[in-house]
Amino acid sequence: QVQLVESGGGLVQAGNSLRLSCAASGRTLSDYTMAWFRSAPGKEREFVTAIRRGGNTDYAGSVLGRFTISRDNAKNTVYLQMNNLKPEDTAIYYCAMSTLFFTTDPRRIEAYGTWGQGTQVTVSS
């Protein structure tokens, strides 16, 4: 059974950095599209970034240039490096694995069938 476990969240001041990790078990994550979504209070879950099977990446405009997604195939782990954090980045961050090997639109939440439990990121001003 596939399982995703996030870690690395916390409380930071604006302008600082955090790195989130998502460790997968039960499947080889490099065979799938892996993504990060986030849910802020009162808002729907939104796409943050994704890395496709071939290594191509996609980013939401709000995080482009500040966040970087990467993966370590040997550790079966995907990372989200978040720099220059802003208060509006405050949310629960979720790791997700696509249902199929290939995704035509990695920004669609419906493309993902496996989710982690989420990790809280709070950015103070």
Protein backbone atom coordinates (compact mmCIF):
# COMPACT_ATOMS: atom_id res chain seq x y z
CA GLN A 1 0.00 0.00 0.00
CA VAL A 2 1.37 3.39 -1.00
CA GLN A 3 1.92 5.95 1.73
CA LEU A 4 3.16 9.54 1.67
CA VAL A 5 4.55 11.17 4.80
CA GLU A 6 5.31 14.90 4.89
CA SER A 7 7.63 16.63 7.31
CA GLY A 8 9.46 19.91 7.75
CA GLY A 9 6.65 22.35 8.45
CA GLY A 10 6.84 24.94 11.19
CA LEU A 11 6.62 28.57 12.20
CA VAL A 12 8.96 31.04 10.51
CA GLN A 13 9.20 34.77 10.04
CA ALA A 14 8.56 36.36 6.69
CA GLY A 15 11.62 36.31 4.46
CA ASN A 16 12.95 33.08 5.89
CA SER A 17 13.06 29.60 4.36
CA LEU A 18 11.74 26.11 5.01
CA ARG A 19 12.20 22.78 3.29
CA LEU A 20 9.39 20.26 3.25
CA SER A 21 9.95 16.58 2.63
CA CYS A 22 7.59 13.90 1.37
CA ALA A 23 8.75 10.34 1.75
CA ALA A 24 6.97 7.67 -0.27
CA SER A 25 6.63 3.98 0.48
CA GLY A 26 4.97 1.26 -1.52
CA ARG A 27 5.67 2.84 -4.92
CA THR A 28 8.56 4.43 -6.76
CA LEU A 29 7.66 8.09 -6.79
CA SER A 30 9.79 8.89 -9.83
CA ASP A 31 7.36 6.78 -11.89
CA TYR A 32 4.59 9.30 -11.18
CA THR A 33 3.91 13.01 -11.14
CA MET A 34 4.47 14.31 -7.63
CA ALA A 35 2.93 17.57 -6.50
CA TRP A 36 2.52 19.91 -3.58
CA PHE A 37 -0.83 21.52 -2.87
CA ARG A 38 -1.80 23.79 0.00
CA SER A 39 -4.94 24.66 1.93
CA ALA A 40 -5.26 28.01 3.68
CA PRO A 41 -8.09 28.74 6.14
CA GLY A 42 -11.29 29.48 4.26
CA LYS A 43 -9.77 28.67 0.88
CA GLU A 44 -9.88 25.69 -1.41
CA ARG A 45 -6.87 23.47 -1.80
CA GLU A 46 -4.64 24.97 -4.47
CA PHE A 47 -1.82 23.77 -6.66
CA VAL A 48 1.69 24.86 -5.68
CA THR A 49 4.12 22.87 -7.79
CA ALA A 50 4.68 19.51 -9.46
CA ILE A 51 7.49 17.43 -10.88
CA ARG A 52 6.65 15.06 -13.68
CA ARG A 53 7.99 11.61 -14.35
CA GLY A 54 10.52 13.00 -16.81
CA GLY A 55 11.66 15.71 -14.41
CA ASN A 56 9.82 18.68 -15.87
CA THR A 57 8.40 21.02 -13.28
CA ASP A 58 5.37 23.30 -13.01
CA TYR A 59 4.79 26.15 -10.58
CA ALA A 60 1.91 28.34 -9.52
CA GLY A 61 2.57 31.95 -10.38
CA SER A 62 2.44 32.98 -6.73
CA VAL A 63 5.47 30.85 -5.84
CA LEU A 64 7.48 30.98 -9.06
CA GLY A 65 11.02 32.08 -8.31
CA ARG A 66 10.66 31.43 -4.57
CA PHE A 67 9.81 27.72 -4.32
CA THR A 68 11.66 24.79 -5.85
CA ILE A 69 10.49 21.20 -6.13
CA SER A 70 13.02 18.40 -6.40
CA ARG A 71 13.24 14.68 -5.79
CA ASP A 72 15.83 12.21 -4.56
CA ASN A 73 15.17 8.94 -6.31
CA ALA A 74 17.53 7.01 -4.03
CA LYS A 75 15.54 8.14 -0.99
CA ASN A 76 12.17 7.95 -2.77
CA THR A 77 11.52 11.45 -1.45
CA VAL A 78 10.33 14.70 -2.97
CA TYR A 79 11.22 18.07 -1.50
CA LEU A 80 9.79 21.57 -1.53
CA GLN A 81 12.33 24.28 -0.86
CA MET A 82 10.51 27.48 0.10
CA ASN A 83 12.49 30.71 0.16
CA ASN A 84 11.47 34.27 0.90
CA LEU A 85 8.32 33.07 2.61
CA LYS A 86 5.39 35.45 2.94
CA PRO A 87 2.46 35.48 5.38
CA GLU A 88 0.16 34.50 2.51
CA ASP A 89 2.10 31.24 2.20
CA THR A 90 0.60 30.16 5.53
CA ALA A 91 -1.29 26.92 4.90
CA ILE A 92 -1.30 23.18 5.36
CA TYR A 93 0.92 21.72 2.66
CA TYR A 94 0.05 18.36 1.14
CA CYS A 95 2.13 16.03 -0.95
CA ALA A 96 0.32 14.12 -3.68
CA MET A 97 1.07 11.30 -6.11
CA SER A 98 -0.69 11.08 -9.46
CA THR A 99 -3.03 8.22 -10.15
CA LEU A 100 -1.46 7.47 -13.53
CA PHE A 101 2.15 7.50 -14.68
CA PHE A 102 1.50 10.51 -16.87
CA THR A 103 -0.61 13.60 -16.23
CA THR A 104 -1.75 15.92 -18.98
CA ASP A 105 -2.37 18.75 -16.51
CA PRO A 106 -0.51 18.42 -13.20
CA ARG A 107 -2.37 21.42 -11.80
CA ARG A 108 -5.66 19.51 -11.62
CA ILE A 109 -6.34 18.11 -8.18
CA GLU A 110 -8.30 15.27 -9.79
CA ALA A 111 -5.08 13.89 -11.26
CA TYR A 112 -3.90 12.75 -7.83
CA GLY A 113 -5.10 9.71 -5.99
CA THR A 114 -2.71 9.46 -3.08
CA TRP A 115 -2.22 12.19 -0.50
CA GLY A 116 -0.12 12.72 2.56
CA GLN A 117 -1.50 13.86 5.89
CA GLY A 118 -0.27 17.44 5.46
CA THR A 119 2.19 19.61 7.32
CA GLN A 120 1.47 23.07 8.73
CA VAL A 121 3.49 26.05 7.54
CA THR A 122 2.93 29.32 9.36
CA VAL A 123 4.67 32.52 8.28
CA SER A 124 4.55 35.47 10.64
CA SER A 125 4.93 39.05 9.49
